[in-house]
Amino acid sequence: MLRKILDLFDSGDSFTDPVCGMTVSLAKPHGGSHEYKGETYYFCGPGCRVAFSKDPDPYLSGEKKIEM
């Protein structure tokens, strides 16, 4: 969660996809978004969003990451 907050302040209109680490535009995230525990996460593509929605906690903790 801290990573998400820092991304919002540091990057202005972009966010780091929690699954693959790619930078995503908040204005038009190609993978859409997903809400989890009151937070909104943005994704580079649909595959990352689907992977996150199935099991978000390992991605948020850094335990799991997909290399692109």
Protein backbone atom coordinates (compact mmCIF):
# COMPACT_ATOMS: atom_id res chain seq x y z
CA MET A 1 0.00 0.00 0.00
CA LEU A 2 2.85 2.39 0.77
CA ARG A 3 4.18 1.76 -2.74
CA LYS A 4 0.80 2.75 -4.22
CA ILE A 5 0.70 5.98 -2.20
CA LEU A 6 4.27 6.90 -3.15
CA ASP A 7 3.54 6.20 -6.82
CA LEU A 8 0.61 8.61 -6.78
CA PHE A 9 2.73 11.43 -5.32
CA ASP A 10 5.91 10.78 -7.29
CA SER A 11 4.51 10.20 -10.75
CA GLY A 12 1.66 12.65 -11.04
CA ASP A 13 -0.65 10.97 -13.50
CA SER A 14 0.83 7.47 -13.51
CA PHE A 15 0.87 4.41 -11.30
CA THR A 16 3.00 1.28 -11.05
CA ASP A 17 1.18 -1.92 -11.98
CA PRO A 18 1.46 -4.07 -8.82
CA VAL A 19 1.76 -7.27 -10.88
CA CYS A 20 4.50 -6.48 -13.41
CA GLY A 21 5.91 -3.13 -12.27
CA MET A 22 5.16 -1.29 -15.52
CA THR A 23 4.12 2.37 -15.41
CA VAL A 24 0.43 2.86 -16.15
CA SER A 25 -1.34 6.09 -17.10
CA LEU A 26 -4.15 6.90 -14.70
CA ALA A 27 -5.95 8.76 -17.48
CA LYS A 28 -6.26 5.62 -19.61
CA PRO A 29 -5.05 2.41 -17.97
CA HIS A 30 -5.03 -0.21 -20.76
CA GLY A 31 -5.69 -3.01 -18.28
CA GLY A 32 -8.36 -1.17 -16.36
CA SER A 33 -8.55 -0.98 -12.62
CA HIS A 34 -9.50 -3.14 -9.67
CA GLU A 35 -10.60 -2.13 -6.19
CA TYR A 36 -9.28 -4.10 -3.25
CA LYS A 37 -9.78 -3.27 0.42
CA GLY A 38 -10.89 0.26 -0.42
CA GLU A 39 -7.93 1.02 -2.70
CA THR A 40 -7.92 1.27 -6.49
CA TYR A 41 -5.09 -0.37 -8.45
CA TYR A 42 -4.35 0.20 -12.15
CA PHE A 43 -2.93 -2.25 -14.69
CA CYS A 44 -0.95 -2.24 -17.92
CA GLY A 45 -3.09 -4.96 -19.46
CA PRO A 46 -6.04 -7.23 -18.74
CA GLY A 47 -3.79 -10.18 -17.84
CA CYS A 48 -2.23 -8.31 -14.94
CA ARG A 49 -5.64 -7.19 -13.70
CA VAL A 50 -6.98 -10.77 -13.80
CA ALA A 51 -3.90 -12.17 -12.03
CA PHE A 52 -4.18 -9.51 -9.33
CA SER A 53 -7.92 -10.00 -8.83
CA LYS A 54 -7.43 -13.75 -8.23
CA ASP A 55 -4.82 -13.30 -5.47
CA PRO A 56 -3.86 -9.67 -4.69
CA ASP A 57 -2.00 -10.00 -1.39
CA PRO A 58 1.21 -11.64 -2.74
CA TYR A 59 1.52 -8.88 -5.36
CA LEU A 60 0.99 -6.13 -2.81
CA SER A 61 3.55 -7.60 -0.41
CA GLY A 62 6.14 -8.04 -3.17
CA GLU A 63 6.20 -11.80 -2.60
CA LYS A 64 4.95 -12.40 -6.14
CA LYS A 65 5.71 -10.51 -9.36
CA ILE A 66 5.40 -11.28 -13.05
CA GLU A 67 8.45 -10.35 -15.11
CA MET A 68 7.66 -8.69 -18.43
